[in-house]
Amino acid sequence: MVFRGCAMKPEAERSYYTVAEAANQLDVSPATVWRWIEAQILPAYRIGPRRIRIRKEDLAQVIQRRQKSEPSMDQASRQHHIFANYDPERARRALAQSAGALAHVNWRELVSDLEAQREQDSTGRPS
């Protein structure tokens, strides 16, 4: 790899980052960095027709904001746990109310309808 006569500085000493390097630092995809640049969440500077750079200070501010806004893993796991607000009695009542809901459905007709639906041409859905 040729660097055109200049030695690359280690990341710790650099004052500007590429989109890919910023994405790596933020632990997001480069597409997310581009969206943040377009939304003016992350300031960026054009240094050529196809070159964008992000200042180290601006990147540090975004990292700091993300760390403040993200809940800890314990909080996140409690908030999104599937049984977080589970009420067994409420679940029993719901099951009792729905029992027999499909009792009068012809299952062969139902399966046939589902298969016919799958055969229809629709984009974005597996066949």
C-alpha atoms as a PDB file:
ATOM      1  CA  MET A   1       0.000   0.000   0.000  1.00  0.00           C
ATOM      2  CA  VAL A   2       1.446   3.378  -1.012  1.00  0.00           C
ATOM      3  CA  PHE A   3       0.791   6.472   1.113  1.00  0.00           C
ATOM      4  CA  ARG A   4       2.219   9.087  -1.269  1.00  0.00           C
ATOM      5  CA  GLY A   5       5.136  10.081   0.909  1.00  0.00           C
ATOM      6  CA  CYS A   6       3.290  10.714   4.165  1.00  0.00           C
ATOM      7  CA  ALA A   7       3.201   8.550   7.236  1.00  0.00           C
ATOM      8  CA  MET A   8      -0.236   7.816   8.675  1.00  0.00           C
ATOM      9  CA  LYS A   9      -0.803   8.964  12.229  1.00  0.00           C
ATOM     10  CA  PRO A  10      -2.221   6.548  14.781  1.00  0.00           C
ATOM     11  CA  GLU A  11      -5.967   7.065  15.391  1.00  0.00           C
ATOM     12  CA  ALA A  12      -5.325   8.574  18.835  1.00  0.00           C
ATOM     13  CA  GLU A  13      -3.255  11.413  17.299  1.00  0.00           C
ATOM     14  CA  ARG A  14      -5.578  12.191  14.371  1.00  0.00           C
ATOM     15  CA  SER A  15      -7.812  15.237  14.413  1.00  0.00           C
ATOM     16  CA  TYR A  16     -10.135  14.113  11.557  1.00  0.00           C
ATOM     17  CA  TYR A  17     -11.793  10.803  10.733  1.00  0.00           C
ATOM     18  CA  THR A  18     -13.315   9.280   7.618  1.00  0.00           C
ATOM     19  CA  VAL A  19     -16.943   8.136   7.638  1.00  0.00           C
ATOM     20  CA  ALA A  20     -15.831   4.509   7.976  1.00  0.00           C
ATOM     21  CA  GLU A  21     -13.526   5.323  10.888  1.00  0.00           C
ATOM     22  CA  ALA A  22     -16.259   7.343  12.605  1.00  0.00           C
ATOM     23  CA  ALA A  23     -18.713   4.461  12.141  1.00  0.00           C
ATOM     24  CA  ASN A  24     -16.181   2.126  13.730  1.00  0.00           C
ATOM     25  CA  GLN A  25     -15.686   4.488  16.682  1.00  0.00           C
ATOM     26  CA  LEU A  26     -19.467   4.873  17.157  1.00  0.00           C
ATOM     27  CA  ASP A  27     -20.140   1.151  16.628  1.00  0.00           C
ATOM     28  CA  VAL A  28     -22.701   1.869  13.883  1.00  0.00           C
ATOM     29  CA  SER A  29     -22.773   1.346  10.136  1.00  0.00           C
ATOM     30  CA  PRO A  30     -21.344   3.933   7.719  1.00  0.00           C
ATOM     31  CA  ALA A  31     -24.913   4.403   6.407  1.00  0.00           C
ATOM     32  CA  THR A  32     -25.968   5.514   9.900  1.00  0.00           C
ATOM     33  CA  VAL A  33     -23.098   8.017   9.996  1.00  0.00           C
ATOM     34  CA  TRP A  34     -24.227   9.384   6.614  1.00  0.00           C
ATOM     35  CA  ARG A  35     -27.808   9.736   7.938  1.00  0.00           C
ATOM     36  CA  TRP A  36     -26.527  11.580  11.009  1.00  0.00           C
ATOM     37  CA  ILE A  37     -24.492  13.902   8.798  1.00  0.00           C
ATOM     38  CA  GLU A  38     -27.548  14.639   6.625  1.00  0.00           C
ATOM     39  CA  ALA A  39     -29.697  15.191   9.739  1.00  0.00           C
ATOM     40  CA  GLN A  40     -26.983  17.521  11.116  1.00  0.00           C
ATOM     41  CA  ILE A  41     -26.540  15.342  14.203  1.00  0.00           C
ATOM     42  CA  LEU A  42     -22.889  14.854  13.324  1.00  0.00           C
ATOM     43  CA  PRO A  43     -21.014  17.767  11.721  1.00  0.00           C
ATOM     44  CA  ALA A  44     -18.827  16.842   8.757  1.00  0.00           C
ATOM     45  CA  TYR A  45     -16.558  18.736   6.413  1.00  0.00           C
ATOM     46  CA  ARG A  46     -16.131  18.201   2.686  1.00  0.00           C
ATOM     47  CA  ILE A  47     -12.456  18.302   1.711  1.00  0.00           C
ATOM     48  CA  GLY A  48     -12.943  17.360  -1.916  1.00  0.00           C
ATOM     49  CA  PRO A  49     -15.627  16.292  -4.351  1.00  0.00           C
ATOM     50  CA  ARG A  50     -15.876  12.821  -2.788  1.00  0.00           C
ATOM     51  CA  ARG A  51     -14.114  13.220   0.544  1.00  0.00           C
ATOM     52  CA  ILE A  52     -15.760  13.909   3.878  1.00  0.00           C
ATOM     53  CA  ARG A  53     -14.008  14.222   7.213  1.00  0.00           C
ATOM     54  CA  ILE A  54     -15.347  14.397  10.754  1.00  0.00           C
ATOM     55  CA  ARG A  55     -13.524  16.304  13.465  1.00  0.00           C
ATOM     56  CA  LYS A  56     -12.332  14.352  16.485  1.00  0.00           C
ATOM     57  CA  GLU A  57     -14.102  16.794  18.854  1.00  0.00           C
ATOM     58  CA  ASP A  58     -17.447  16.445  17.028  1.00  0.00           C
ATOM     59  CA  LEU A  59     -17.149  12.670  17.114  1.00  0.00           C
ATOM     60  CA  ALA A  60     -16.362  12.758  20.848  1.00  0.00           C
ATOM     61  CA  GLN A  61     -19.494  14.859  21.502  1.00  0.00           C
ATOM     62  CA  VAL A  62     -21.726  12.385  19.670  1.00  0.00           C
ATOM     63  CA  ILE A  63     -20.147   9.474  21.554  1.00  0.00           C
ATOM     64  CA  GLN A  64     -20.716  11.292  24.844  1.00  0.00           C
ATOM     65  CA  ARG A  65     -24.384  12.036  23.991  1.00  0.00           C
ATOM     66  CA  ARG A  66     -24.979   8.402  23.036  1.00  0.00           C
ATOM     67  CA  GLN A  67     -23.461   7.144  26.290  1.00  0.00           C
ATOM     68  CA  LYS A  68     -25.733   9.446  28.312  1.00  0.00           C
ATOM     69  CA  SER A  69     -28.884   8.505  26.401  1.00  0.00           C
ATOM     70  CA  GLU A  70     -28.396   4.721  26.263  1.00  0.00           C
ATOM     71  CA  PRO A  71     -29.770   2.813  29.262  1.00  0.00           C
ATOM     72  CA  SER A  72     -27.529   0.304  30.947  1.00  0.00           C
ATOM     73  CA  MET A  73     -27.852  -3.328  29.893  1.00  0.00           C
ATOM     74  CA  ASP A  74     -29.730  -4.173  33.116  1.00  0.00           C
ATOM     75  CA  GLN A  75     -32.316  -1.434  32.496  1.00  0.00           C
ATOM     76  CA  ALA A  76     -32.676  -2.360  28.829  1.00  0.00           C
ATOM     77  CA  SER A  77     -33.159  -6.046  29.565  1.00  0.00           C
ATOM     78  CA  ARG A  78     -35.801  -5.277  32.200  1.00  0.00           C
ATOM     79  CA  GLN A  79     -37.662  -2.903  29.881  1.00  0.00           C
ATOM     80  CA  HIS A  80     -37.757  -5.311  26.934  1.00  0.00           C
ATOM     81  CA  HIS A  81     -38.146  -8.628  28.728  1.00  0.00           C
ATOM     82  CA  ILE A  82     -41.006 -10.604  27.231  1.00  0.00           C
ATOM     83  CA  PHE A  83     -42.534 -11.415  30.645  1.00  0.00           C
ATOM     84  CA  ALA A  84     -41.870  -8.003  32.224  1.00  0.00           C
ATOM     85  CA  ASN A  85     -45.561  -7.216  32.877  1.00  0.00           C
ATOM     86  CA  TYR A  86     -46.895 -10.761  32.756  1.00  0.00           C
ATOM     87  CA  ASP A  87     -50.149 -11.303  34.624  1.00  0.00           C
ATOM     88  CA  PRO A  88     -50.994 -15.029  34.726  1.00  0.00           C
ATOM     89  CA  GLU A  89     -54.657 -14.463  35.610  1.00  0.00           C
ATOM     90  CA  ARG A  90     -55.134 -12.051  32.723  1.00  0.00           C
ATOM     91  CA  ALA A  91     -53.505 -14.581  30.368  1.00  0.00           C
ATOM     92  CA  ARG A  92     -55.877 -17.323  31.608  1.00  0.00           C
ATOM     93  CA  ARG A  93     -58.922 -15.084  30.992  1.00  0.00           C
ATOM     94  CA  ALA A  94     -57.723 -14.231  27.474  1.00  0.00           C
ATOM     95  CA  LEU A  95     -57.190 -17.912  26.659  1.00  0.00           C
ATOM     96  CA  ALA A  96     -60.639 -18.798  28.001  1.00  0.00           C
ATOM     97  CA  GLN A  97     -62.254 -16.062  25.882  1.00  0.00           C
ATOM     98  CA  SER A  98     -60.484 -17.178  22.729  1.00  0.00           C
ATOM     99  CA  ALA A  99     -61.011 -20.907  23.278  1.00  0.00           C
ATOM    100  CA  GLY A 100     -63.046 -22.330  20.452  1.00  0.00           C
ATOM    101  CA  ALA A 101     -62.592 -19.265  18.242  1.00  0.00           C
ATOM    102  CA  LEU A 102     -61.519 -21.504  15.367  1.00  0.00           C
ATOM    103  CA  ALA A 103     -63.833 -24.402  16.236  1.00  0.00           C
ATOM    104  CA  HIS A 104     -66.153 -23.855  13.250  1.00  0.00           C
ATOM    105  CA  VAL A 105     -63.400 -23.165  10.697  1.00  0.00           C
ATOM    106  CA  ASN A 106     -62.770 -25.763   8.016  1.00  0.00           C
ATOM    107  CA  TRP A 107     -59.023 -26.282   8.428  1.00  0.00           C
ATOM    108  CA  ARG A 108     -58.515 -27.716   4.940  1.00  0.00           C
ATOM    109  CA  GLU A 109     -60.147 -24.647   3.436  1.00  0.00           C
ATOM    110  CA  LEU A 110     -58.026 -22.399   5.648  1.00  0.00           C
ATOM    111  CA  VAL A 111     -54.803 -24.155   4.582  1.00  0.00           C
ATOM    112  CA  SER A 112     -55.864 -23.997   0.943  1.00  0.00           C
ATOM    113  CA  ASP A 113     -56.528 -20.251   1.243  1.00  0.00           C
ATOM    114  CA  LEU A 114     -53.129 -19.698   2.860  1.00  0.00           C
ATOM    115  CA  GLU A 115     -51.345 -21.633   0.131  1.00  0.00           C
ATOM    116  CA  ALA A 116     -53.203 -19.708  -2.576  1.00  0.00           C
ATOM    117  CA  GLN A 117     -52.197 -16.449  -0.916  1.00  0.00           C
ATOM    118  CA  ARG A 118     -48.532 -17.512  -0.970  1.00  0.00           C
ATOM    119  CA  GLU A 119     -48.707 -18.300  -4.674  1.00  0.00           C
ATOM    120  CA  GLN A 120     -49.865 -14.789  -5.514  1.00  0.00           C
ATOM    121  CA  ASP A 121     -47.130 -12.569  -6.829  1.00  0.00           C
ATOM    122  CA  SER A 122     -46.225 -10.001  -4.191  1.00  0.00           C
ATOM    123  CA  THR A 123     -42.847  -8.302  -3.883  1.00  0.00           C
ATOM    124  CA  GLY A 124     -40.935  -8.382  -0.660  1.00  0.00           C
ATOM    125  CA  ARG A 125     -42.516 -11.557   0.660  1.00  0.00           C
ATOM    126  CA  PRO A 126     -40.989 -15.014   0.559  1.00  0.00           C
ATOM    127  CA  SER A 127     -42.934 -17.518  -1.524  1.00  0.00           C
END
